[in-house]
Amino acid sequence: MDVKRVKDYLYWLYYQYQLVTCSYVLEPWEQSMFHTITVTVLAMVVYTAYVFVPIHVRLALEFFSQIFGPQPESAV
């Protein structure tokens, strides 16, 4: 892909974001506040998922392995 197509695609994605969130009707200072809050919340969600999801998956695997017991060597 050339640079112009990538640039146009990014502009299109940003336009879609503005349409979905209706942020195009806000004043510039309201848009900056809205985008700041949105990015902050998104960053917190990503960080929380990065920190806590692996721990919960490990605990769930340990829980289910205790319920179903270890697999016999012949099954592996």
N, C-alpha and C. Protein backbone atom coordinates (compact mmCIF):
# COMPACT_ATOMS: atom_id res chain seq x y z
N MET A 1 0.84 -1.19 0.00
CA MET A 1 0.00 0.00 0.00
C MET A 1 0.88 1.25 0.00
N ASP A 2 0.47 2.23 -0.75
CA ASP A 2 1.24 3.46 -0.74
C ASP A 2 0.79 4.35 0.42
N VAL A 3 1.54 5.39 0.65
CA VAL A 3 1.32 6.26 1.81
C VAL A 3 -0.02 6.98 1.71
N LYS A 4 -0.40 7.39 0.52
CA LYS A 4 -1.66 8.12 0.37
C LYS A 4 -2.86 7.26 0.74
N ARG A 5 -2.85 6.00 0.34
CA ARG A 5 -3.97 5.11 0.67
C ARG A 5 -4.04 4.86 2.17
N VAL A 6 -2.89 4.69 2.81
CA VAL A 6 -2.88 4.49 4.26
C VAL A 6 -3.39 5.74 4.96
N LYS A 7 -2.94 6.89 4.49
CA LYS A 7 -3.39 8.16 5.07
C LYS A 7 -4.89 8.34 4.90
N ASP A 8 -5.40 8.05 3.72
CA ASP A 8 -6.85 8.14 3.48
C ASP A 8 -7.62 7.17 4.36
N TYR A 9 -7.09 5.98 4.54
CA TYR A 9 -7.76 4.99 5.38
C TYR A 9 -7.80 5.45 6.83
N LEU A 10 -6.70 6.02 7.32
CA LEU A 10 -6.69 6.53 8.70
C LEU A 10 -7.66 7.69 8.87
N TYR A 11 -7.73 8.57 7.87
CA TYR A 11 -8.72 9.65 7.92
C TYR A 11 -10.13 9.09 7.95
N TRP A 12 -10.39 8.05 7.15
CA TRP A 12 -11.71 7.42 7.12
C TRP A 12 -12.04 6.79 8.47
N LEU A 13 -11.07 6.12 9.10
CA LEU A 13 -11.31 5.54 10.42
C LEU A 13 -11.63 6.61 11.45
N TYR A 14 -10.88 7.72 11.40
CA TYR A 14 -11.15 8.81 12.34
C TYR A 14 -12.53 9.41 12.08
N TYR A 15 -12.93 9.53 10.84
CA TYR A 15 -14.25 10.03 10.49
C TYR A 15 -15.34 9.10 11.02
N GLN A 16 -15.14 7.80 10.88
CA GLN A 16 -16.09 6.83 11.41
C GLN A 16 -16.18 6.94 12.93
N TYR A 17 -15.04 7.12 13.59
CA TYR A 17 -15.01 7.29 15.04
C TYR A 17 -15.82 8.53 15.44
N GLN A 18 -15.65 9.62 14.71
CA GLN A 18 -16.40 10.83 15.02
C GLN A 18 -17.89 10.64 14.79
N LEU A 19 -18.27 9.91 13.76
CA LEU A 19 -19.68 9.67 13.50
C LEU A 19 -20.31 8.78 14.57
N VAL A 20 -19.60 7.75 14.97
CA VAL A 20 -20.14 6.81 15.96
C VAL A 20 -20.29 7.48 17.32
N THR A 21 -19.31 8.28 17.71
CA THR A 21 -19.35 8.92 19.02
C THR A 21 -20.05 10.27 19.00
N CYS A 22 -20.44 10.74 17.82
CA CYS A 22 -21.08 12.06 17.65
C CYS A 22 -20.20 13.19 18.18
N SER A 23 -18.90 12.99 18.16
CA SER A 23 -18.00 14.03 18.66
C SER A 23 -17.79 15.15 17.65
N TYR A 24 -18.26 15.00 16.42
CA TYR A 24 -18.11 16.06 15.43
C TYR A 24 -18.99 17.26 15.74
N VAL A 25 -20.00 17.10 16.61
CA VAL A 25 -20.88 18.22 16.95
C VAL A 25 -20.35 19.01 18.15
N LEU A 26 -19.28 18.55 18.75
CA LEU A 26 -18.73 19.23 19.92
C LEU A 26 -17.81 20.37 19.49
N GLU A 27 -17.65 21.32 20.40
CA GLU A 27 -16.69 22.39 20.16
C GLU A 27 -15.29 21.83 20.31
N PRO A 28 -14.28 22.54 19.80
CA PRO A 28 -12.91 22.00 19.85
C PRO A 28 -12.42 21.67 21.26
N TRP A 29 -12.71 22.52 22.24
CA TRP A 29 -12.25 22.21 23.60
C TRP A 29 -13.01 21.02 24.17
N GLU A 30 -14.28 20.87 23.78
CA GLU A 30 -15.06 19.71 24.23
C GLU A 30 -14.54 18.43 23.56
N GLN A 31 -14.16 18.55 22.30
CA GLN A 31 -13.60 17.39 21.61
C GLN A 31 -12.31 16.93 22.27
N SER A 32 -11.45 17.88 22.62
CA SER A 32 -10.19 17.49 23.26
C SER A 32 -10.43 16.82 24.61
N MET A 33 -11.38 17.34 25.38
CA MET A 33 -11.71 16.70 26.66
C MET A 33 -12.29 15.31 26.44
N PHE A 34 -13.19 15.18 25.47
CA PHE A 34 -13.82 13.90 25.18
C PHE A 34 -12.78 12.88 24.73
N HIS A 35 -11.88 13.28 23.83
CA HIS A 35 -10.86 12.36 23.34
C HIS A 35 -9.89 11.98 24.45
N THR A 36 -9.55 12.93 25.32
CA THR A 36 -8.66 12.63 26.44
C THR A 36 -9.28 11.61 27.38
N ILE A 37 -10.54 11.80 27.71
CA ILE A 37 -11.23 10.86 28.60
C ILE A 37 -11.35 9.49 27.93
N THR A 38 -11.68 9.47 26.64
CA THR A 38 -11.82 8.21 25.92
C THR A 38 -10.50 7.44 25.88
N VAL A 39 -9.42 8.13 25.57
CA VAL A 39 -8.11 7.47 25.51
C VAL A 39 -7.69 6.99 26.89
N THR A 40 -7.97 7.78 27.93
CA THR A 40 -7.63 7.38 29.29
C THR A 40 -8.38 6.13 29.70
N VAL A 41 -9.67 6.08 29.45
CA VAL A 41 -10.47 4.90 29.80
C VAL A 41 -10.00 3.69 29.00
N LEU A 42 -9.73 3.86 27.72
CA LEU A 42 -9.25 2.75 26.90
C LEU A 42 -7.90 2.24 27.40
N ALA A 43 -7.01 3.15 27.79
CA ALA A 43 -5.71 2.73 28.32
C ALA A 43 -5.87 1.97 29.63
N MET A 44 -6.79 2.40 30.49
CA MET A 44 -7.02 1.68 31.74
C MET A 44 -7.58 0.29 31.49
N VAL A 45 -8.47 0.16 30.52
CA VAL A 45 -9.04 -1.16 30.20
C VAL A 45 -7.95 -2.09 29.66
N VAL A 46 -7.11 -1.59 28.77
CA VAL A 46 -6.04 -2.41 28.21
C VAL A 46 -5.05 -2.81 29.31
N TYR A 47 -4.68 -1.89 30.17
CA TYR A 47 -3.75 -2.21 31.26
C TYR A 47 -4.35 -3.24 32.21
N THR A 48 -5.62 -3.06 32.57
CA THR A 48 -6.27 -4.01 33.47
C THR A 48 -6.34 -5.39 32.84
N ALA A 49 -6.66 -5.46 31.57
CA ALA A 49 -6.70 -6.76 30.88
C ALA A 49 -5.32 -7.39 30.84
N TYR A 50 -4.29 -6.58 30.59
CA TYR A 50 -2.92 -7.08 30.53
C TYR A 50 -2.46 -7.63 31.88
N VAL A 51 -2.87 -6.99 32.96
CA VAL A 51 -2.42 -7.39 34.29
C VAL A 51 -3.25 -8.54 34.85
N PHE A 52 -4.56 -8.47 34.74
CA PHE A 52 -5.42 -9.39 35.48
C PHE A 52 -5.92 -10.59 34.69
N VAL A 53 -6.05 -10.50 33.39
CA VAL A 53 -6.57 -11.63 32.62
C VAL A 53 -5.65 -12.86 32.71
N PRO A 54 -4.33 -12.74 32.55
CA PRO A 54 -3.50 -13.94 32.67
C PRO A 54 -3.60 -14.60 34.04
N ILE A 55 -3.72 -13.81 35.09
CA ILE A 55 -3.85 -14.37 36.43
C ILE A 55 -5.14 -15.17 36.54
N HIS A 56 -6.23 -14.61 36.05
CA HIS A 56 -7.51 -15.31 36.14
C HIS A 56 -7.56 -16.55 35.25
N VAL A 57 -6.92 -16.50 34.11
CA VAL A 57 -6.86 -17.69 33.25
C VAL A 57 -6.08 -18.79 33.93
N ARG A 58 -4.94 -18.45 34.55
CA ARG A 58 -4.15 -19.44 35.27
C ARG A 58 -4.94 -20.05 36.41
N LEU A 59 -5.63 -19.20 37.19
CA LEU A 59 -6.44 -19.71 38.30
C LEU A 59 -7.58 -20.60 37.80
N ALA A 60 -8.20 -20.24 36.70
CA ALA A 60 -9.27 -21.07 36.14
C ALA A 60 -8.73 -22.41 35.68
N LEU A 61 -7.56 -22.41 35.04
CA LEU A 61 -6.97 -23.68 34.62
C LEU A 61 -6.62 -24.56 35.81
N GLU A 62 -6.07 -23.96 36.87
CA GLU A 62 -5.78 -24.73 38.08
C GLU A 62 -7.06 -25.29 38.69
N PHE A 63 -8.11 -24.48 38.73
CA PHE A 63 -9.38 -24.92 39.30
C PHE A 63 -9.94 -26.11 38.53
N PHE A 64 -9.99 -25.99 37.20
CA PHE A 64 -10.56 -27.07 36.41
C PHE A 64 -9.66 -28.30 36.39
N SER A 65 -8.35 -28.12 36.50
CA SER A 65 -7.49 -29.30 36.57
C SER A 65 -7.67 -30.03 37.89
N GLN A 66 -8.02 -29.32 38.96
CA GLN A 66 -8.31 -29.99 40.23
C GLN A 66 -9.64 -30.72 40.16
N ILE A 67 -10.61 -30.14 39.47
CA ILE A 67 -11.93 -30.78 39.36
C ILE A 67 -11.83 -32.06 38.53
N PHE A 68 -11.20 -31.98 37.37
CA PHE A 68 -11.14 -33.12 36.47
C PHE A 68 -9.97 -34.03 36.76
N GLY A 69 -9.07 -33.61 37.62
CA GLY A 69 -7.92 -34.44 37.98
C GLY A 69 -6.86 -34.45 36.89
N PRO A 70 -5.69 -34.92 37.24
CA PRO A 70 -4.62 -34.98 36.23
C PRO A 70 -4.92 -36.07 35.21
N GLN A 71 -4.46 -35.86 34.01
CA GLN A 71 -4.66 -36.85 32.96
C GLN A 71 -3.67 -38.00 33.17
N PRO A 72 -4.11 -39.22 32.93
CA PRO A 72 -3.17 -40.34 33.04
C PRO A 72 -2.10 -40.24 31.94
N GLU A 73 -0.97 -40.84 32.20
CA GLU A 73 0.15 -40.76 31.26
C GLU A 73 -0.20 -41.39 29.91
N SER A 74 -1.07 -42.39 29.91
CA SER A 74 -1.41 -43.05 28.65
C SER A 74 -2.26 -42.16 27.75
N ALA A 75 -2.95 -41.18 28.34
CA ALA A 75 -3.81 -40.29 27.54
C ALA A 75 -3.01 -39.17 26.89
N VAL A 76 -1.84 -38.91 27.39
CA VAL A 76 -1.04 -37.80 26.87
C VAL A 76 -0.28 -38.19 25.69
